[in-house]
Amino acid sequence: MQCSYIGISDSDHRQLCCLIYSEDHKDKVYESFLTGTCKTFLCAAWDELTDREVLFAAELMQDWYYYSLLVNSPEIVTRLCAEYTASKDIPEDALIELKIELRRRLLEEDMM
């Protein structure tokens, strides 16, 4: 499951967070989403990745779609963190190849 509300905040601390959690106006749809989805949402990042690895993935991908695909492939995140000190150190061509690989994995899962 991929949550469309996860992202990096625009605050001074730039952290991975729920982008609608701090909204002032919370209607019934939001409350339903929060109690129905958020309380039961778990992914590989929750159990298998360190905080550093989760932040590394978020900084590298900078969008919810590829972030979600990446953290659900924890072996890739762990390898990248071991190979690179910071996400900005990953060459652009390697990032493009990574995105292609993540899309390929997703499509293969759909075929099963």
N, C-alpha and C. Protein backbone atom coordinates (compact mmCIF):
# COMPACT_ATOMS: atom_id res chain seq x y z
N MET A 1 0.84 -1.17 0.00
CA MET A 1 0.00 0.00 0.00
C MET A 1 0.89 1.24 0.00
N GLN A 2 0.53 2.21 -0.80
CA GLN A 2 1.31 3.45 -0.87
C GLN A 2 0.43 4.60 -0.40
N CYS A 3 0.90 5.34 0.57
CA CYS A 3 0.14 6.47 1.10
C CYS A 3 0.52 7.72 0.31
N SER A 4 -0.49 8.37 -0.24
CA SER A 4 -0.23 9.57 -1.04
C SER A 4 0.01 10.81 -0.19
N TYR A 5 -0.12 10.68 1.12
CA TYR A 5 0.06 11.83 1.99
C TYR A 5 1.40 11.85 2.71
N ILE A 6 2.28 10.93 2.38
CA ILE A 6 3.61 10.94 2.99
C ILE A 6 4.53 11.80 2.14
N GLY A 7 5.36 12.58 2.79
CA GLY A 7 6.28 13.44 2.06
C GLY A 7 7.27 14.10 2.98
N ILE A 8 8.06 15.00 2.45
CA ILE A 8 9.04 15.74 3.22
C ILE A 8 8.47 17.13 3.50
N SER A 9 8.43 17.49 4.76
CA SER A 9 7.85 18.77 5.16
C SER A 9 8.67 19.94 4.65
N ASP A 10 8.02 21.07 4.51
CA ASP A 10 8.71 22.29 4.08
C ASP A 10 9.28 23.08 5.25
N SER A 11 9.14 22.55 6.44
CA SER A 11 9.63 23.26 7.63
C SER A 11 11.15 23.32 7.63
N ASP A 12 11.70 24.03 8.59
CA ASP A 12 13.15 24.16 8.72
C ASP A 12 13.83 22.81 8.95
N HIS A 13 13.11 21.87 9.53
CA HIS A 13 13.69 20.58 9.87
C HIS A 13 13.61 19.56 8.74
N ARG A 14 12.86 19.88 7.68
CA ARG A 14 12.70 18.99 6.51
C ARG A 14 12.72 17.52 6.93
N GLN A 15 11.59 17.03 7.35
CA GLN A 15 11.51 15.65 7.80
C GLN A 15 10.40 14.90 7.07
N LEU A 16 10.53 13.60 7.04
CA LEU A 16 9.51 12.74 6.46
C LEU A 16 8.31 12.74 7.39
N CYS A 17 7.14 13.00 6.86
CA CYS A 17 5.97 13.09 7.73
C CYS A 17 4.68 12.91 6.94
N CYS A 18 3.59 12.87 7.66
CA CYS A 18 2.26 12.89 7.07
C CYS A 18 1.94 14.35 6.74
N LEU A 19 1.65 14.62 5.47
CA LEU A 19 1.45 16.00 5.03
C LEU A 19 0.09 16.57 5.41
N ILE A 20 -0.86 15.73 5.80
CA ILE A 20 -2.17 16.25 6.19
C ILE A 20 -2.41 16.20 7.68
N TYR A 21 -1.53 15.55 8.43
CA TYR A 21 -1.75 15.38 9.86
C TYR A 21 -1.86 16.71 10.60
N SER A 22 -1.07 17.69 10.23
CA SER A 22 -1.06 18.96 10.95
C SER A 22 -2.02 20.00 10.40
N GLU A 23 -2.83 19.63 9.41
CA GLU A 23 -3.80 20.59 8.88
C GLU A 23 -4.79 21.01 9.96
N ASP A 24 -5.16 22.28 9.94
CA ASP A 24 -6.08 22.81 10.95
C ASP A 24 -7.50 22.31 10.76
N HIS A 25 -7.95 22.21 9.53
CA HIS A 25 -9.33 21.77 9.27
C HIS A 25 -9.34 20.26 8.96
N LYS A 26 -9.98 19.54 9.84
CA LYS A 26 -10.07 18.09 9.68
C LYS A 26 -11.54 17.71 9.57
N ASP A 27 -11.95 17.30 8.37
CA ASP A 27 -13.34 16.93 8.16
C ASP A 27 -13.55 15.44 8.40
N LYS A 28 -14.77 14.96 8.17
CA LYS A 28 -15.11 13.56 8.41
C LYS A 28 -14.32 12.62 7.50
N VAL A 29 -14.03 13.03 6.27
CA VAL A 29 -13.24 12.19 5.36
C VAL A 29 -11.84 12.00 5.93
N TYR A 30 -11.25 13.07 6.43
CA TYR A 30 -9.92 12.99 7.02
C TYR A 30 -9.94 12.06 8.24
N GLU A 31 -10.91 12.25 9.11
CA GLU A 31 -11.00 11.44 10.32
C GLU A 31 -11.17 9.96 9.98
N SER A 32 -11.95 9.67 8.95
CA SER A 32 -12.14 8.30 8.50
C SER A 32 -10.83 7.72 7.96
N PHE A 33 -10.13 8.51 7.18
CA PHE A 33 -8.84 8.09 6.64
C PHE A 33 -7.86 7.79 7.78
N LEU A 34 -7.80 8.69 8.74
CA LEU A 34 -6.88 8.55 9.86
C LEU A 34 -7.17 7.30 10.67
N THR A 35 -8.42 7.06 10.99
CA THR A 35 -8.74 5.90 11.81
C THR A 35 -8.79 4.60 11.01
N GLY A 36 -9.13 4.67 9.74
CA GLY A 36 -9.25 3.46 8.93
C GLY A 36 -7.96 3.02 8.28
N THR A 37 -7.12 3.94 7.91
CA THR A 37 -5.89 3.61 7.18
C THR A 37 -4.64 3.81 8.03
N CYS A 38 -4.47 4.97 8.57
CA CYS A 38 -3.22 5.31 9.26
C CYS A 38 -2.91 4.41 10.45
N LYS A 39 -3.93 4.03 11.18
CA LYS A 39 -3.67 3.22 12.37
C LYS A 39 -3.23 1.80 12.04
N THR A 40 -3.46 1.37 10.82
CA THR A 40 -3.08 0.01 10.44
C THR A 40 -2.01 -0.02 9.36
N PHE A 41 -1.50 1.13 8.94
CA PHE A 41 -0.53 1.19 7.85
C PHE A 41 0.85 0.80 8.33
N LEU A 42 1.40 -0.23 7.74
CA LEU A 42 2.77 -0.65 8.03
C LEU A 42 3.43 -1.04 6.71
N CYS A 43 4.72 -0.87 6.63
CA CYS A 43 5.45 -1.29 5.45
C CYS A 43 6.80 -1.82 5.91
N ALA A 44 7.60 -2.25 4.98
CA ALA A 44 8.90 -2.82 5.32
C ALA A 44 9.77 -1.85 6.12
N ALA A 45 9.61 -0.57 5.87
CA ALA A 45 10.41 0.44 6.58
C ALA A 45 10.18 0.37 8.09
N TRP A 46 8.98 0.04 8.48
CA TRP A 46 8.63 0.03 9.90
C TRP A 46 9.46 -0.99 10.68
N ASP A 47 9.65 -2.17 10.11
CA ASP A 47 10.31 -3.25 10.83
C ASP A 47 11.78 -3.48 10.44
N GLU A 48 12.13 -3.17 9.21
CA GLU A 48 13.42 -3.63 8.70
C GLU A 48 14.48 -2.54 8.51
N LEU A 49 14.08 -1.28 8.45
CA LEU A 49 15.03 -0.21 8.17
C LEU A 49 15.29 0.64 9.40
N THR A 50 16.51 1.16 9.48
CA THR A 50 16.84 2.10 10.56
C THR A 50 16.28 3.48 10.21
N ASP A 51 16.24 4.36 11.18
CA ASP A 51 15.79 5.73 10.92
C ASP A 51 16.66 6.38 9.84
N ARG A 52 17.95 6.16 9.90
CA ARG A 52 18.86 6.73 8.89
C ARG A 52 18.50 6.23 7.50
N GLU A 53 18.21 4.94 7.37
CA GLU A 53 17.87 4.38 6.07
C GLU A 53 16.55 4.94 5.53
N VAL A 54 15.57 5.12 6.41
CA VAL A 54 14.28 5.69 5.99
C VAL A 54 14.49 7.12 5.50
N LEU A 55 15.23 7.91 6.24
CA LEU A 55 15.49 9.29 5.83
C LEU A 55 16.32 9.35 4.55
N PHE A 56 17.27 8.46 4.42
CA PHE A 56 18.09 8.36 3.21
C PHE A 56 17.18 8.12 2.00
N ALA A 57 16.26 7.18 2.13
CA ALA A 57 15.33 6.86 1.03
C ALA A 57 14.45 8.05 0.69
N ALA A 58 13.96 8.74 1.71
CA ALA A 58 13.09 9.91 1.48
C ALA A 58 13.86 11.03 0.79
N GLU A 59 15.06 11.30 1.25
CA GLU A 59 15.86 12.35 0.64
C GLU A 59 16.27 12.00 -0.78
N LEU A 60 16.53 10.73 -1.03
CA LEU A 60 16.93 10.30 -2.36
C LEU A 60 15.78 10.42 -3.35
N MET A 61 14.63 9.92 -2.99
CA MET A 61 13.51 9.86 -3.93
C MET A 61 12.72 11.16 -4.02
N GLN A 62 12.52 11.81 -2.92
CA GLN A 62 11.82 13.10 -2.86
C GLN A 62 10.42 13.09 -3.44
N ASP A 63 9.79 11.93 -3.51
CA ASP A 63 8.37 11.86 -3.86
C ASP A 63 7.79 10.58 -3.26
N TRP A 64 6.50 10.61 -3.00
CA TRP A 64 5.87 9.49 -2.30
C TRP A 64 5.89 8.22 -3.13
N TYR A 65 5.77 8.30 -4.43
CA TYR A 65 5.66 7.10 -5.25
C TYR A 65 6.95 6.27 -5.19
N TYR A 66 8.06 6.88 -5.54
CA TYR A 66 9.32 6.13 -5.54
C TYR A 66 9.81 5.83 -4.12
N TYR A 67 9.51 6.71 -3.18
CA TYR A 67 9.86 6.42 -1.79
C TYR A 67 9.18 5.13 -1.34
N SER A 68 7.89 5.03 -1.62
CA SER A 68 7.13 3.84 -1.22
C SER A 68 7.69 2.58 -1.86
N LEU A 69 8.03 2.67 -3.13
CA LEU A 69 8.61 1.50 -3.80
C LEU A 69 9.96 1.14 -3.19
N LEU A 70 10.76 2.15 -2.89
CA LEU A 70 12.10 1.89 -2.37
C LEU A 70 12.07 1.28 -0.97
N VAL A 71 11.28 1.82 -0.05
CA VAL A 71 11.29 1.28 1.31
C VAL A 71 10.68 -0.10 1.39
N ASN A 72 9.94 -0.49 0.37
CA ASN A 72 9.42 -1.85 0.33
C ASN A 72 10.39 -2.80 -0.35
N SER A 73 11.58 -2.31 -0.62
CA SER A 73 12.71 -3.13 -1.07
C SER A 73 13.88 -2.84 -0.14
N PRO A 74 13.76 -3.27 1.12
CA PRO A 74 14.75 -2.88 2.14
C PRO A 74 16.17 -3.30 1.82
N GLU A 75 16.34 -4.37 1.06
CA GLU A 75 17.70 -4.81 0.73
C GLU A 75 18.40 -3.77 -0.16
N ILE A 76 17.64 -3.08 -1.00
CA ILE A 76 18.22 -2.04 -1.85
C ILE A 76 18.62 -0.83 -1.00
N VAL A 77 17.74 -0.44 -0.08
CA VAL A 77 18.03 0.71 0.78
C VAL A 77 19.28 0.45 1.61
N THR A 78 19.36 -0.73 2.19
CA THR A 78 20.52 -1.09 3.02
C THR A 78 21.80 -1.07 2.19
N ARG A 79 21.74 -1.59 0.97
CA ARG A 79 22.92 -1.59 0.09
C ARG A 79 23.34 -0.16 -0.26
N LEU A 80 22.36 0.69 -0.61
CA LEU A 80 22.68 2.08 -0.97
C LEU A 80 23.29 2.84 0.20
N CYS A 81 22.75 2.64 1.40
CA CYS A 81 23.29 3.32 2.57
C CYS A 81 24.71 2.86 2.90
N ALA A 82 24.99 1.61 2.61
CA ALA A 82 26.35 1.10 2.85
C ALA A 82 27.32 1.64 1.80
N GLU A 83 26.82 1.85 0.60
CA GLU A 83 27.67 2.28 -0.50
C GLU A 83 27.90 3.79 -0.54
N TYR A 84 26.90 4.57 -0.13
CA TYR A 84 26.97 6.03 -0.22
C TYR A 84 26.77 6.67 1.16
N THR A 85 27.54 7.69 1.44
CA THR A 85 27.43 8.40 2.71
C THR A 85 26.13 9.20 2.79
N ALA A 86 25.77 9.83 1.68
CA ALA A 86 24.56 10.66 1.63
C ALA A 86 23.82 10.40 0.32
N SER A 87 22.52 10.63 0.32
CA SER A 87 21.74 10.38 -0.89
C SER A 87 22.19 11.26 -2.05
N LYS A 88 22.69 12.44 -1.75
CA LYS A 88 23.14 13.35 -2.82
C LYS A 88 24.40 12.83 -3.54
N ASP A 89 25.05 11.83 -2.95
CA ASP A 89 26.26 11.25 -3.55
C ASP A 89 25.95 10.25 -4.67
N ILE A 90 24.70 9.84 -4.78
CA ILE A 90 24.34 8.85 -5.79
C ILE A 90 24.29 9.54 -7.16
N PRO A 91 25.02 9.03 -8.13
CA PRO A 91 25.03 9.64 -9.47
C PRO A 91 23.63 9.59 -10.11
N GLU A 92 23.35 10.59 -10.92
CA GLU A 92 22.04 10.71 -11.57
C GLU A 92 21.70 9.47 -12.39
N ASP A 93 22.66 8.93 -13.11
CA ASP A 93 22.38 7.74 -13.93
C ASP A 93 22.05 6.53 -13.05
N ALA A 94 22.67 6.43 -11.88
CA ALA A 94 22.36 5.34 -10.96
C ALA A 94 20.95 5.50 -10.40
N LEU A 95 20.53 6.73 -10.15
CA LEU A 95 19.17 6.99 -9.67
C LEU A 95 18.14 6.62 -10.73
N ILE A 96 18.42 6.96 -11.96
CA ILE A 96 17.52 6.60 -13.07
C ILE A 96 17.40 5.08 -13.17
N GLU A 97 18.51 4.37 -13.11
CA GLU A 97 18.50 2.91 -13.16
C GLU A 97 17.73 2.32 -11.98
N LEU A 98 17.88 2.93 -10.80
CA LEU A 98 17.16 2.47 -9.62
C LEU A 98 15.65 2.60 -9.82
N LYS A 99 15.21 3.71 -10.35
CA LYS A 99 13.77 3.91 -10.58
C LYS A 99 13.24 2.90 -11.60
N ILE A 100 14.01 2.61 -12.61
CA ILE A 100 13.61 1.60 -13.60
C ILE A 100 13.47 0.24 -12.92
N GLU A 101 14.43 -0.10 -12.09
CA GLU A 101 14.40 -1.38 -11.37
C GLU A 101 13.20 -1.46 -10.43
N LEU A 102 12.89 -0.39 -9.73
CA LEU A 102 11.75 -0.39 -8.81
C LEU A 102 10.43 -0.56 -9.57
N ARG A 103 10.31 0.10 -10.72
CA ARG A 103 9.10 -0.06 -11.54
C ARG A 103 8.99 -1.49 -12.06
N ARG A 104 10.13 -2.05 -12.47
CA ARG A 104 10.13 -3.43 -12.97
C ARG A 104 9.66 -4.40 -11.89
N ARG A 105 10.16 -4.21 -10.67
CA ARG A 105 9.75 -5.07 -9.55
C ARG A 105 8.26 -4.96 -9.28
N LEU A 106 7.75 -3.74 -9.34
CA LEU A 106 6.32 -3.53 -9.11
C LEU A 106 5.49 -4.25 -10.17
N LEU A 107 5.88 -4.14 -11.41
CA LEU A 107 5.15 -4.79 -12.49
C LEU A 107 5.23 -6.31 -12.37
N GLU A 108 6.37 -6.83 -11.94
CA GLU A 108 6.50 -8.27 -11.75
C GLU A 108 5.58 -8.75 -10.64
N GLU A 109 5.44 -7.97 -9.58
CA GLU A 109 4.54 -8.35 -8.48
C GLU A 109 3.09 -8.39 -8.97
N ASP A 110 2.73 -7.45 -9.84
CA ASP A 110 1.37 -7.42 -10.38
C ASP A 110 1.08 -8.63 -11.24
N MET A 111 2.12 -9.17 -11.87
CA MET A 111 1.94 -10.32 -12.77
C MET A 111 1.75 -11.62 -12.00
N MET A 112 2.17 -11.62 -10.74
CA MET A 112 2.08 -12.86 -9.94
C MET A 112 0.69 -13.11 -9.44
